[in-house]
Amino acid sequence: MQGINVIDYSTLAVSSSAVDLIADGDPALPNQAKRAYITCETQQVRWRADGTAPSATEGHILGKDDSISFTGANYRQQLEKIEFICTSSGDGKLKITYFD
């Protein structure tokens, strides 16, 4: 990823209620972040980036040890809209690296 600088690193706890990167990130989505690389550390989650919250049965699957990359362009709008939810009981954990 030549020419892309790391802005921040975050852990996001995911459970039975949808969470986003704006308010729920730790830290929240940095102002200058336009890209992100997200890995799922624990249990399977679902995600949506269209402004609608995912549910345990609706949205894209992100399985344990899977990753999604929003690094090829300016994905700021998608990062502001993306939400995650666990597909089963218990808590999930996502690791996020933000880039400019």
C-alpha atoms as a PDB file:
ATOM      1  CA  MET A   1       0.000   0.000   0.000  1.00  0.00           C
ATOM      2  CA  GLN A   2       2.534   2.521  -1.174  1.00  0.00           C
ATOM      3  CA  GLY A   3       1.735   6.135  -0.296  1.00  0.00           C
ATOM      4  CA  ILE A   4      -0.841   5.211   2.339  1.00  0.00           C
ATOM      5  CA  ASN A   5      -0.081   6.144   5.933  1.00  0.00           C
ATOM      6  CA  VAL A   6      -1.382   4.401   9.037  1.00  0.00           C
ATOM      7  CA  ILE A   7      -3.563   6.797  11.041  1.00  0.00           C
ATOM      8  CA  ASP A   8      -4.708   4.640  13.949  1.00  0.00           C
ATOM      9  CA  TYR A   9      -5.429   1.142  15.237  1.00  0.00           C
ATOM     10  CA  SER A  10      -8.604   0.106  17.014  1.00  0.00           C
ATOM     11  CA  THR A  11     -10.465  -2.795  18.613  1.00  0.00           C
ATOM     12  CA  LEU A  12     -14.228  -2.952  18.159  1.00  0.00           C
ATOM     13  CA  ALA A  13     -16.380  -5.127  20.430  1.00  0.00           C
ATOM     14  CA  VAL A  14     -19.378  -6.570  18.576  1.00  0.00           C
ATOM     15  CA  SER A  15     -22.414  -8.205  20.190  1.00  0.00           C
ATOM     16  CA  SER A  16     -26.152  -8.626  19.584  1.00  0.00           C
ATOM     17  CA  SER A  17     -26.744  -4.933  18.791  1.00  0.00           C
ATOM     18  CA  ALA A  18     -25.311  -3.359  15.644  1.00  0.00           C
ATOM     19  CA  VAL A  19     -22.251  -1.146  16.215  1.00  0.00           C
ATOM     20  CA  ASP A  20     -20.514   1.310  13.938  1.00  0.00           C
ATOM     21  CA  LEU A  21     -17.059   2.848  13.688  1.00  0.00           C
ATOM     22  CA  ILE A  22     -18.223   6.409  14.372  1.00  0.00           C
ATOM     23  CA  ALA A  23     -19.376   6.164  17.987  1.00  0.00           C
ATOM     24  CA  ASP A  24     -18.426   2.622  18.933  1.00  0.00           C
ATOM     25  CA  GLY A  25     -14.824   2.376  17.756  1.00  0.00           C
ATOM     26  CA  ASP A  26     -12.039   2.577  20.319  1.00  0.00           C
ATOM     27  CA  PRO A  27     -10.948   5.124  19.249  1.00  0.00           C
ATOM     28  CA  ALA A  28     -13.799   6.181  17.003  1.00  0.00           C
ATOM     29  CA  LEU A  29     -13.214   6.588  13.261  1.00  0.00           C
ATOM     30  CA  PRO A  30     -10.423   9.177  12.951  1.00  0.00           C
ATOM     31  CA  ASN A  31     -11.359  12.352  11.046  1.00  0.00           C
ATOM     32  CA  GLN A  32      -8.653  11.890   8.405  1.00  0.00           C
ATOM     33  CA  ALA A  33      -9.238   8.146   7.823  1.00  0.00           C
ATOM     34  CA  LYS A  34     -10.275   7.247   4.272  1.00  0.00           C
ATOM     35  CA  ARG A  35      -9.319   3.576   4.273  1.00  0.00           C
ATOM     36  CA  ALA A  36      -9.397   0.622   6.677  1.00  0.00           C
ATOM     37  CA  TYR A  37      -8.332  -2.989   7.015  1.00  0.00           C
ATOM     38  CA  ILE A  38     -10.591  -5.018   9.325  1.00  0.00           C
ATOM     39  CA  THR A  39     -10.011  -8.506  10.729  1.00  0.00           C
ATOM     40  CA  CYS A  40     -12.395 -10.677  12.733  1.00  0.00           C
ATOM     41  CA  GLU A  41     -10.622 -12.182  15.735  1.00  0.00           C
ATOM     42  CA  THR A  42     -13.281 -14.177  17.504  1.00  0.00           C
ATOM     43  CA  GLN A  43     -16.703 -15.185  16.255  1.00  0.00           C
ATOM     44  CA  GLN A  44     -18.560 -14.593  13.011  1.00  0.00           C
ATOM     45  CA  VAL A  45     -20.191 -11.215  12.423  1.00  0.00           C
ATOM     46  CA  ARG A  46     -22.330  -9.678   9.691  1.00  0.00           C
ATOM     47  CA  TRP A  47     -21.769  -6.235   8.214  1.00  0.00           C
ATOM     48  CA  ARG A  48     -23.485  -3.711   5.969  1.00  0.00           C
ATOM     49  CA  ALA A  49     -22.168  -0.401   4.630  1.00  0.00           C
ATOM     50  CA  ASP A  50     -25.318   0.962   2.976  1.00  0.00           C
ATOM     51  CA  GLY A  51     -26.711   2.846   5.958  1.00  0.00           C
ATOM     52  CA  THR A  52     -28.942  -0.027   7.108  1.00  0.00           C
ATOM     53  CA  ALA A  53     -28.022  -1.976  10.234  1.00  0.00           C
ATOM     54  CA  PRO A  54     -27.217  -5.659   9.734  1.00  0.00           C
ATOM     55  CA  SER A  55     -29.013  -8.362  11.696  1.00  0.00           C
ATOM     56  CA  ALA A  56     -27.931 -11.802  12.852  1.00  0.00           C
ATOM     57  CA  THR A  57     -29.332 -13.169   9.574  1.00  0.00           C
ATOM     58  CA  GLU A  58     -28.876 -10.271   7.126  1.00  0.00           C
ATOM     59  CA  GLY A  59     -25.657  -8.710   5.835  1.00  0.00           C
ATOM     60  CA  HIS A  60     -22.288  -9.881   4.585  1.00  0.00           C
ATOM     61  CA  ILE A  61     -20.602 -12.609   6.643  1.00  0.00           C
ATOM     62  CA  LEU A  62     -17.178 -11.959   8.134  1.00  0.00           C
ATOM     63  CA  GLY A  63     -15.967 -15.180   9.725  1.00  0.00           C
ATOM     64  CA  LYS A  64     -13.378 -15.733  12.433  1.00  0.00           C
ATOM     65  CA  ASP A  65      -9.906 -15.036  10.990  1.00  0.00           C
ATOM     66  CA  ASP A  66     -11.421 -13.385   7.871  1.00  0.00           C
ATOM     67  CA  SER A  67     -10.703  -9.829   6.813  1.00  0.00           C
ATOM     68  CA  ILE A  68     -12.151  -7.085   4.644  1.00  0.00           C
ATOM     69  CA  SER A  69     -10.116  -4.374   3.025  1.00  0.00           C
ATOM     70  CA  PHE A  70     -11.297  -0.869   2.223  1.00  0.00           C
ATOM     71  CA  THR A  71      -7.863   0.295   1.064  1.00  0.00           C
ATOM     72  CA  GLY A  72      -7.945   0.724  -2.729  1.00  0.00           C
ATOM     73  CA  ALA A  73      -9.698   4.106  -2.858  1.00  0.00           C
ATOM     74  CA  ASN A  74     -11.300   6.777  -0.673  1.00  0.00           C
ATOM     75  CA  TYR A  75     -13.865   4.760   1.322  1.00  0.00           C
ATOM     76  CA  ARG A  76     -14.727   7.450   3.882  1.00  0.00           C
ATOM     77  CA  GLN A  77     -18.485   7.335   3.157  1.00  0.00           C
ATOM     78  CA  GLN A  78     -18.608   3.541   3.547  1.00  0.00           C
ATOM     79  CA  LEU A  79     -16.583   3.684   6.776  1.00  0.00           C
ATOM     80  CA  GLU A  80     -19.060   6.210   8.174  1.00  0.00           C
ATOM     81  CA  LYS A  81     -21.997   3.905   7.337  1.00  0.00           C
ATOM     82  CA  ILE A  82     -20.605   0.434   8.067  1.00  0.00           C
ATOM     83  CA  GLU A  83     -22.136  -1.486  10.987  1.00  0.00           C
ATOM     84  CA  PHE A  84     -21.392  -4.899  12.480  1.00  0.00           C
ATOM     85  CA  ILE A  85     -23.381  -7.425  14.544  1.00  0.00           C
ATOM     86  CA  CYS A  86     -22.654 -10.929  15.891  1.00  0.00           C
ATOM     87  CA  THR A  87     -24.499 -13.810  14.285  1.00  0.00           C
ATOM     88  CA  SER A  88     -24.784 -15.763  17.557  1.00  0.00           C
ATOM     89  CA  SER A  89     -24.724 -15.120  21.295  1.00  0.00           C
ATOM     90  CA  GLY A  90     -21.546 -13.856  22.856  1.00  0.00           C
ATOM     91  CA  ASP A  91     -19.205 -11.075  21.861  1.00  0.00           C
ATOM     92  CA  GLY A  92     -17.041 -10.695  18.800  1.00  0.00           C
ATOM     93  CA  LYS A  93     -13.898  -8.654  18.404  1.00  0.00           C
ATOM     94  CA  LEU A  94     -12.688  -6.805  15.315  1.00  0.00           C
ATOM     95  CA  LYS A  95      -9.236  -5.303  14.848  1.00  0.00           C
ATOM     96  CA  ILE A  96      -9.089  -2.241  12.590  1.00  0.00           C
ATOM     97  CA  THR A  97      -6.172  -0.363  11.069  1.00  0.00           C
ATOM     98  CA  TYR A  98      -7.075   3.042   9.642  1.00  0.00           C
ATOM     99  CA  PHE A  99      -5.198   4.714   6.778  1.00  0.00           C
ATOM    100  CA  ASP A 100      -5.287   8.166   5.200  1.00  0.00           C
END
